[in-house]
Protein backbone atom coordinates (compact mmCIF):
# COMPACT_ATOMS: atom_id res chain seq x y z
CA MET A 1 93.77 78.70 80.34
CA THR A 2 92.88 75.20 81.47
CA THR A 3 90.19 73.46 79.48
CA LEU A 4 87.96 72.92 82.53
CA TYR A 5 88.07 76.59 83.52
CA GLN A 6 87.49 77.73 79.92
CA GLU A 7 84.43 75.48 79.68
CA HIS A 8 83.20 76.76 83.04
CA LEU A 9 83.66 80.39 82.00
CA ASN A 10 81.87 79.78 78.69
CA ALA A 11 78.95 78.16 80.53
CA LEU A 12 78.62 81.17 82.84
CA ILE A 13 78.84 83.64 79.95
CA ASN A 14 76.11 81.76 78.11
CA ARG A 15 73.96 81.60 81.26
CA TYR A 16 74.18 85.33 81.91
CA GLU A 17 73.79 86.33 78.26
CA ASN A 18 70.54 84.36 78.26
CA ALA A 19 69.51 86.24 81.40
CA MET A 20 70.29 89.60 79.79
CA ALA A 21 68.24 88.69 76.72
CA HIS A 22 65.37 87.42 78.87
CA PHE A 23 65.17 90.59 80.98
CA GLY A 24 66.12 93.09 78.27
CA LEU A 25 69.37 94.13 79.94
CA ASP A 26 72.51 95.65 78.42
CA ALA A 27 74.81 94.68 81.29
CA ILE A 28 74.95 92.96 84.69
CA VAL A 29 77.35 93.91 87.47
CA LEU A 30 78.25 91.31 90.09
CA ALA A 31 79.67 92.67 93.34
CA SER A 32 81.75 90.58 95.74
CA GLY A 33 80.64 92.77 98.66
CA GLU A 34 82.44 94.90 101.22
CA LYS A 35 83.91 94.02 104.58
CA SER A 36 81.80 94.68 107.65
CA TYR A 37 83.13 95.58 111.08
CA TYR A 38 82.35 94.90 114.70
CA PHE A 39 80.54 97.74 116.45
CA GLN A 40 82.92 100.51 117.54
CA ASP A 41 85.92 98.53 116.34
CA ASP A 42 88.25 98.43 113.35
CA HIS A 43 88.30 94.62 113.37
CA ALA A 44 86.40 93.08 110.44
CA HIS A 45 83.99 90.17 110.54
CA PRO A 46 85.15 87.04 108.69
CA TYR A 47 84.63 87.81 105.01
CA HIS A 48 83.00 85.64 102.34
CA ALA A 49 82.46 86.95 98.82
CA TYR A 50 78.98 86.91 97.28
CA SER A 51 78.72 83.50 95.68
CA GLY A 52 77.47 84.86 92.35
CA ALA A 53 80.72 86.78 91.92
CA GLN A 54 83.03 84.10 93.38
CA GLN A 55 81.67 81.59 90.87
CA TRP A 56 83.50 83.34 88.03
CA LEU A 57 87.09 83.21 89.32
CA PRO A 58 89.49 80.31 90.03
CA PHE A 59 90.77 81.81 93.33
CA SER A 60 89.24 83.22 96.50
CA LEU A 61 87.72 86.61 95.75
CA GLY A 62 88.35 89.61 98.00
CA ALA A 63 86.16 92.53 98.97
CA GLU A 64 85.20 95.43 96.69
CA THR A 65 85.72 93.41 93.51
CA TYR A 66 83.28 93.73 90.62
CA ILE A 67 82.49 91.78 87.47
CA VAL A 68 80.88 93.55 84.52
CA LEU A 69 79.06 91.41 81.98
CA LYS A 70 77.93 92.60 78.54
CA ALA A 71 76.61 90.49 75.69
CA SER A 72 79.21 89.36 73.13
CA GLU A 73 82.10 90.80 75.17
CA LYS A 74 84.70 89.30 77.45
CA PRO A 75 83.76 89.70 81.10
CA THR A 76 85.48 92.62 82.81
CA LEU A 77 87.08 92.27 86.24
CA ILE A 78 87.29 95.48 88.28
CA TRP A 79 90.16 94.80 90.69
CA PRO A 80 90.59 97.00 93.77
CA ILE A 81 93.92 98.67 94.49
CA ARG A 82 94.62 100.59 97.68
CA ASP A 83 97.21 102.98 99.07
CA ASP A 84 97.48 101.01 102.30
CA PHE A 85 100.51 100.31 104.50
CA TRP A 86 98.40 98.52 107.16
CA HIS A 87 97.70 95.43 105.08
CA ALA A 88 99.48 93.14 102.65
CA PRO A 89 99.43 94.11 98.95
CA ASN A 90 96.57 92.78 96.86
CA PRO A 91 97.94 92.09 93.36
CA VAL A 92 95.88 90.51 90.60
CA PRO A 93 96.67 86.76 90.74
CA ASN A 94 98.89 85.53 87.94
CA GLY A 95 97.77 82.75 85.62
CA ASP A 96 96.43 81.93 82.22
CA TRP A 97 92.87 82.46 83.54
CA GLN A 98 93.48 86.10 82.58
CA GLN A 99 93.11 85.20 78.88
CA GLY A 100 89.34 85.14 79.28
CA TRP A 101 89.08 88.55 80.94
CA ASN A 102 89.41 92.28 80.52
CA ILE A 103 91.07 93.43 83.76
CA ILE A 104 90.83 96.97 85.10
CA THR A 105 92.48 98.04 88.36
CA ALA A 106 90.68 100.79 90.23
CA LYS A 107 90.82 102.70 93.48
CA LYS A 108 87.67 103.04 95.54
CA THR A 109 87.31 106.64 94.43
CA ASP A 110 87.57 105.79 90.71
CA LYS A 111 84.25 105.98 88.90
CA TRP A 112 84.75 102.85 86.82
CA PHE A 113 80.98 102.52 86.39
CA ILE A 114 80.48 105.91 84.76
CA ASP A 115 80.20 104.53 81.21
CA LEU A 116 77.97 101.56 81.94
CA PRO A 117 74.89 101.32 79.70
CA LYS A 118 71.53 102.56 80.90
CA ARG A 119 69.97 99.10 81.32
CA THR A 120 72.48 97.73 83.83
CA ALA A 121 71.34 95.41 86.63
CA TRP A 122 73.21 94.65 89.86
CA LEU A 123 73.59 91.41 91.81
CA GLY A 124 75.25 91.40 95.21
CA PRO A 125 75.19 93.50 98.36
CA GLN A 126 75.26 97.32 98.50
CA ALA A 127 73.46 98.02 95.23
CA MET A 128 74.61 101.12 93.35
CA PRO A 129 72.20 103.92 92.37
CA PHE A 130 72.98 103.54 88.67
CA ALA A 131 71.52 100.02 88.56
CA VAL A 132 68.00 99.33 87.30
CA ALA A 133 65.65 97.15 89.34
CA CYS A 134 65.25 93.73 87.78
CA ASP A 135 62.81 91.54 89.66
CA GLY A 136 63.42 87.88 89.00
CA LEU A 137 67.06 88.14 87.86
CA LYS A 138 68.50 86.64 91.04
CA ALA A 139 66.09 83.67 90.94
CA TYR A 140 66.86 83.17 87.23
CA VAL A 141 70.62 82.74 87.79
CA ASP A 142 70.31 81.02 91.19
CA PHE A 143 68.27 78.18 89.72
CA ALA A 144 71.09 77.23 87.35
CA LYS A 145 73.76 77.23 90.10
CA ALA A 146 72.50 73.88 91.36
CA VAL A 147 73.97 72.04 88.35
CA LYS A 148 77.75 72.18 88.59
CA THR A 149 80.32 72.38 85.82
CA ASP A 150 83.25 69.95 85.71
CA PHE A 151 85.49 72.77 86.98
CA GLU A 152 83.27 73.23 90.03
CA ILE A 153 83.12 69.50 90.74
CA LYS A 154 86.92 69.32 90.57
CA ALA A 155 87.15 72.09 93.18
CA MET A 156 84.68 70.30 95.43
CA ARG A 157 86.61 67.04 95.02
CA GLN A 158 89.75 68.79 96.29
CA ALA A 159 87.78 70.33 99.17
CA SER A 160 86.62 66.81 100.01
CA VAL A 161 90.20 65.46 100.06
CA ARG A 162 91.27 68.14 102.51
CA GLY A 163 88.15 67.77 104.62
CA ALA A 164 88.60 64.00 104.82
CA ALA A 165 92.19 64.41 106.00
CA GLY A 166 90.86 66.62 108.78
CA HIS A 167 88.29 64.04 109.84
CA THR A 168 90.92 61.32 110.04
CA ALA A 169 93.07 63.52 112.29
CA ALA A 170 90.02 64.40 114.41
CA LYS A 171 89.26 60.72 114.98
CA GLU A 172 92.83 60.08 116.13
CA ALA A 173 92.65 63.04 118.53
CA PHE A 174 89.34 61.76 119.91
CA LEU A 175 90.75 58.28 120.54
CA ALA A 176 93.73 59.92 122.29
CA GLY A 177 91.32 61.57 124.77
CA MET A 178 91.69 65.12 123.50
CA SER A 179 89.27 67.98 124.22
CA GLU A 180 86.78 69.35 121.69
CA LEU A 181 89.09 72.32 121.07
CA GLU A 182 92.11 70.08 120.55
CA ILE A 183 90.11 67.86 118.18
CA HIS A 184 89.08 70.91 116.18
CA LEU A 185 92.67 72.14 116.02
CA ALA A 186 93.76 68.71 114.77
CA PHE A 187 91.08 68.92 112.07
CA LEU A 188 92.22 72.39 111.00
CA THR A 189 95.88 71.43 110.85
CA ALA A 190 95.26 68.32 108.75
CA SER A 191 92.85 70.12 106.41
CA GLN A 192 95.32 73.02 106.03
CA GLN A 193 93.10 75.91 107.00
CA SER A 194 92.38 78.35 109.79
CA ALA A 195 89.01 78.55 111.52
CA PHE A 196 88.20 81.69 109.51
CA GLN A 197 88.84 79.80 106.27
CA GLU A 198 86.38 76.99 107.05
CA PRO A 199 83.28 77.08 104.82
CA TYR A 200 81.23 76.99 108.05
CA PRO A 201 82.18 76.83 111.72
CA GLY A 202 83.11 73.21 112.43
CA ILE A 203 80.89 71.30 114.86
CA VAL A 204 82.84 69.15 117.33
CA GLY A 205 80.67 67.49 119.98
CA LEU A 206 81.67 64.89 122.53
CA ASP A 207 79.09 62.62 124.20
CA GLU A 208 75.83 64.52 125.01
CA HIS A 209 77.01 67.43 122.87
CA ALA A 210 76.59 65.17 119.83
CA ALA A 211 72.83 65.56 120.33
CA VAL A 212 73.01 69.34 119.70
CA LEU A 213 72.56 69.69 115.95
CA HIS A 214 74.53 72.93 115.56
CA TYR A 215 76.67 72.67 118.68
CA GLU A 216 78.80 75.82 118.59
CA HIS A 217 81.22 75.46 121.52
CA LYS A 218 84.69 73.92 121.76
CA SER A 219 85.30 72.78 125.33
CA ILE A 220 88.91 72.88 126.54
CA GLU A 221 88.31 70.01 129.00
CA GLN A 222 89.85 66.68 128.04
CA VAL A 223 87.48 63.72 128.34
CA THR A 224 89.74 60.66 128.43
CA ASN A 225 86.82 58.22 128.53
CA SER A 226 84.50 60.04 126.12
CA ARG A 227 82.05 57.73 124.40
CA THR A 228 81.23 59.61 121.21
CA LEU A 229 82.64 62.17 118.81
CA LEU A 230 80.36 63.82 116.26
CA ILE A 231 82.32 66.10 113.94
CA ASP A 232 80.62 68.08 111.16
CA ALA A 233 83.31 70.05 109.35
CA GLY A 234 84.50 70.76 105.83
CA ALA A 235 87.15 72.51 103.78
CA ASN A 236 87.14 75.27 101.18
CA GLU A 237 88.66 75.31 97.69
CA HIS A 238 88.48 78.84 96.21
CA GLY A 239 84.96 79.26 97.48
CA TYR A 240 83.67 75.71 96.96
CA ALA A 241 82.86 73.72 100.07
CA SER A 242 82.93 70.20 101.34
CA ASP A 243 80.50 69.40 104.17
CA ILE A 244 81.33 66.12 105.90
CA THR A 245 80.05 64.56 109.11
CA ARG A 246 81.28 61.49 110.91
CA THR A 247 80.41 59.91 114.24
CA PHE A 248 83.04 57.88 116.05
CA THR A 249 82.75 55.84 119.22
CA ARG A 250 85.39 54.41 121.51
CA HIS A 251 83.72 51.09 122.34
CA ASN A 252 82.45 48.17 120.28
CA ASP A 253 79.02 48.23 121.92
CA ASP A 254 75.35 48.57 121.00
CA PHE A 255 75.78 52.25 120.12
CA ASN A 256 78.57 51.33 117.73
CA ALA A 257 76.20 48.78 116.16
CA LEU A 258 73.68 51.60 115.67
CA ILE A 259 76.35 53.73 113.97
CA LYS A 260 77.24 50.87 111.61
CA ASP A 261 73.61 50.30 110.61
CA LEU A 262 73.01 54.01 110.03
CA ASP A 263 76.18 54.12 107.92
CA THR A 264 74.88 51.23 105.78
CA MET A 265 71.59 53.06 105.31
CA GLU A 266 73.39 56.33 104.47
CA GLN A 267 75.46 54.70 101.74
CA GLN A 268 72.34 53.18 100.19
CA LEU A 269 70.69 56.62 100.16
CA CYS A 270 73.80 58.03 98.44
CA ARG A 271 73.52 55.37 95.73
CA SER A 272 69.86 56.34 95.25
CA ALA A 273 70.67 59.99 94.43
CA ILE A 274 70.19 59.72 90.67
CA SER A 275 68.69 62.16 88.19
CA GLY A 276 64.89 62.15 88.05
CA VAL A 277 64.47 61.33 91.75
CA ASN A 278 62.54 63.84 93.82
CA PHE A 279 64.60 64.64 96.91
CA LYS A 280 61.44 64.76 99.03
CA ASP A 281 60.94 61.07 98.25
CA LEU A 282 64.49 60.29 99.40
CA HIS A 283 63.73 62.06 102.67
CA GLN A 284 60.61 59.95 103.16
CA ASP A 285 62.68 56.82 102.49
CA THR A 286 65.03 58.04 105.22
CA LEU A 287 62.18 58.40 107.74
CA ALA A 288 61.17 54.81 106.99
CA GLY A 289 64.81 53.75 107.39
CA ILE A 290 65.07 55.47 110.77
CA ALA A 291 61.86 53.73 111.87
CA THR A 292 63.41 50.41 110.86
CA LEU A 293 66.53 51.10 112.92
CA LEU A 294 64.45 52.12 115.93
CA PHE A 295 62.56 48.82 115.69
CA GLU A 296 65.58 46.60 115.02
CA HIS A 297 67.59 48.13 117.86
CA LYS A 298 64.66 47.75 120.27
CA ILE A 299 64.24 51.48 120.80
CA CYS A 300 60.64 51.43 119.59
CA THR A 301 58.32 48.42 119.45
CA LEU A 302 55.88 49.93 116.93
CA SER A 303 55.96 48.77 113.32
CA VAL A 304 57.47 51.04 110.68
CA GLU A 305 53.98 51.99 109.47
CA GLU A 306 52.78 52.84 112.98
CA GLN A 307 55.89 54.90 113.67
CA LEU A 308 55.45 56.89 110.48
CA ALA A 309 51.80 57.56 111.27
CA LYS A 310 52.75 58.94 114.69
CA GLN A 311 55.87 60.74 113.40
CA ILE A 312 58.12 58.86 115.79
CA PRO A 313 61.15 58.95 113.43
CA GLN A 314 61.10 62.77 113.49
CA VAL A 315 61.74 62.65 117.26
CA PHE A 316 65.10 61.00 116.58
CA PHE A 317 65.77 62.53 113.15
CA PRO A 318 64.35 66.07 113.24
CA HIS A 319 66.25 67.68 110.35
CA GLY A 320 66.24 67.23 106.58
CA LEU A 321 68.19 64.59 104.68
CA GLY A 322 70.44 67.07 102.91
CA HIS A 323 70.84 70.16 100.77
CA LEU A 324 72.50 71.57 97.69
CA LEU A 325 76.23 72.14 98.12
CA GLY A 326 78.59 74.46 96.31
CA LEU A 327 79.73 78.02 96.82
CA GLN A 328 77.54 78.13 99.89
CA VAL A 329 77.28 75.22 102.29
CA HIS A 330 73.51 75.46 102.09
CA ASP A 331 73.56 76.43 98.45
CA VAL A 332 70.88 78.66 96.96
CA GLY A 333 67.81 77.46 95.09
CA GLY A 334 67.01 74.35 97.12
CA HIS A 335 63.27 75.07 97.18
CA GLN A 336 63.21 76.65 93.72
CA ILE A 337 61.69 74.52 90.96
CA ASP A 338 62.08 76.81 87.93
CA LYS A 339 63.96 79.89 86.70
CA SER A 340 61.05 82.20 87.50
CA GLY A 341 61.49 81.50 91.22
CA THR A 342 58.51 79.23 91.87
CA LEU A 343 59.01 77.57 95.25
CA SER A 344 58.15 74.10 96.50
CA LYS A 345 58.12 74.37 100.28
CA PRO A 346 58.58 71.29 102.50
CA ASP A 347 55.49 69.88 104.19
CA ASP A 348 54.75 69.41 107.89
CA SER A 349 56.39 65.99 107.97
CA ALA A 350 59.76 67.54 107.05
CA PRO A 351 59.62 71.25 107.94
CA PHE A 352 63.42 71.70 107.90
CA LEU A 353 64.10 70.02 104.55
CA ARG A 354 66.36 72.38 102.56
CA LEU A 355 66.04 70.62 99.19
CA THR A 356 62.71 69.86 97.51
CA ARG A 357 63.78 69.73 93.87
CA THR A 358 63.93 66.82 91.47
CA LEU A 359 67.57 65.80 91.15
CA GLU A 360 69.48 66.54 87.95
CA LYS A 361 72.77 65.27 86.62
CA ASN A 362 75.77 67.10 88.16
CA MET A 363 73.89 68.60 91.05
CA VAL A 364 76.05 68.23 94.16
CA ILE A 365 74.14 67.44 97.32
CA THR A 366 74.70 66.26 100.86
CA ILE A 367 73.18 63.06 102.21
CA GLU A 368 73.15 63.26 106.01
CA PRO A 369 70.76 61.06 107.96
CA GLY A 370 70.98 61.23 111.74
CA LEU A 371 69.67 59.50 114.83
CA TYR A 372 69.84 61.54 118.03
CA PHE A 373 68.75 61.24 121.64
CA ILE A 374 67.60 64.81 122.30
CA PRO A 375 65.97 65.19 125.74
CA MET A 376 63.70 68.05 124.63
CA LEU A 377 62.17 66.07 121.77
CA ILE A 378 61.90 62.86 123.76
CA GLU A 379 60.07 64.67 126.57
CA LYS A 380 57.74 66.28 124.03
CA MET A 381 56.97 62.85 122.53
CA GLN A 382 56.16 61.45 125.97
CA ALA A 383 53.81 64.34 126.66
CA GLU A 384 52.03 64.43 123.32
CA VAL A 385 52.13 60.97 121.68
CA SER A 386 50.03 58.28 123.27
CA ASN A 387 51.22 54.68 122.94
CA HIS A 388 54.51 55.79 121.39
CA GLY A 389 56.01 52.34 121.89
CA CYS A 390 59.45 53.65 122.84
CA ASP A 391 61.51 51.87 125.48
CA MET A 392 62.41 54.70 127.86
CA ALA A 393 64.99 52.63 129.72
CA ARG A 394 66.72 51.86 126.41
CA ILE A 395 66.62 55.54 125.48
CA GLN A 396 68.05 56.47 128.87
CA HIS A 397 70.90 54.08 128.17
CA PHE A 398 71.70 55.89 124.90
CA LEU A 399 71.34 59.49 126.17
CA PRO A 400 75.01 59.80 127.29
CA TYR A 401 76.15 58.98 123.74
CA GLY A 402 74.33 62.00 122.29
CA GLY A 403 73.62 60.97 118.74
CA ILE A 404 74.81 60.04 115.28
CA ARG A 405 75.08 61.90 111.98
CA ILE A 406 76.85 60.61 108.87
CA GLU A 407 77.19 62.95 105.89
CA ASP A 408 78.68 62.50 102.43
CA ASN A 409 78.88 64.84 99.43
CA VAL A 410 77.43 63.30 96.29
CA VAL A 411 77.45 64.24 92.61
CA VAL A 412 74.14 63.22 91.06
CA LYS A 413 74.42 61.11 87.91
CA ASN A 414 72.01 59.32 85.58
CA ASP A 415 73.01 55.90 86.94
CA LEU A 416 75.62 55.57 89.70
CA PRO A 417 76.24 58.79 91.68
CA VAL A 418 79.79 59.87 92.52
CA ASN A 419 80.42 59.98 96.26
CA LEU A 420 83.15 62.62 96.64
CA THR A 421 83.56 61.85 100.34
CA ARG A 422 83.99 58.07 100.06
CA GLU A 423 86.30 58.56 97.06
CA THR A 424 88.85 59.97 99.51
CA GLY A 425 88.96 56.68 101.42
CA LEU A 426 87.21 58.13 104.47
CA THR A 427 84.91 55.53 106.04
């Protein structure tokens, strides 16, 4: 067993043994979950294992797999076997990872849970009737997931390498005048994955589509003179995600100058992601930075202070600065400030902020400032904010470009954070 995986497994065992002692439990069962199907069809939805179960294994976990944890014992893996000629066989993966496990193969009809102790709790979907209710257990283990082990960071580094390769290929396809669909296919090929394997559906928006934050379409129309490509897409390494966004433009014009200045600001924010910093403060710094860009690029004539008072930056940057990243793209526990599940909700100035915690060493987060020209929000500002100071002709000039988002994945450290995205050489 590799040293990194052994250390990771030991950390999880210690974490869950502490949880069992805290809640007076004899065992915890983690369930990967079952496949779900489209209505009146035998075709399954894309499957992702419950992150709490996936965290334990160094490969992608399939459906109907269970992990049984008992204090002072090796974890037990209940591996599903099926009499099934419709699908490929599902053998237990080989490897020295097995040294840390008891492995039991079981059919769906086998009652592998029959001898579990009375005080057994369950985490995951489709809870079993034998499990005892344990309020607070999920929050207790979710809180700790934010701080990653070296094994997890290595997986996310590899996901970043593959994601960055995809972004480079997407840029080349954009400059060649390809369609959104063709750009996405170039990304998938270079990152060595299918669309179903992506950690989230990739966002590929040309021109005005770059102003739609979660643009979900992939147009087949080629746009040979497209101005802008915004691509938000990542890769997956046995459950661990990268989440990368880049904005490319075809011309060396004033929109390109705006991209460069936002990129400079984004990299400074990444360098500021050190332990002890409250992420809400970083978001407020971002709002001030957006106000500065609006002023310097003659989009708004109001001072930074006046813009902040009138919430002008939120018109052009309506989402949060970033979020926890890991086994889920928007990883759990972002608003949770202790193991008991106490929440710190974002305030009205940043209602969509997904992370409100104080940063700790080895948290992995995204830093993703944006500056968009969204007609709906601009019209709302005109209707509701008096003396907004925005140059509407200048804004009209930028509308066809859509918008900008730049996103890196950062490991928080005590001094200089590790930027997994920039490490790959992606600019």
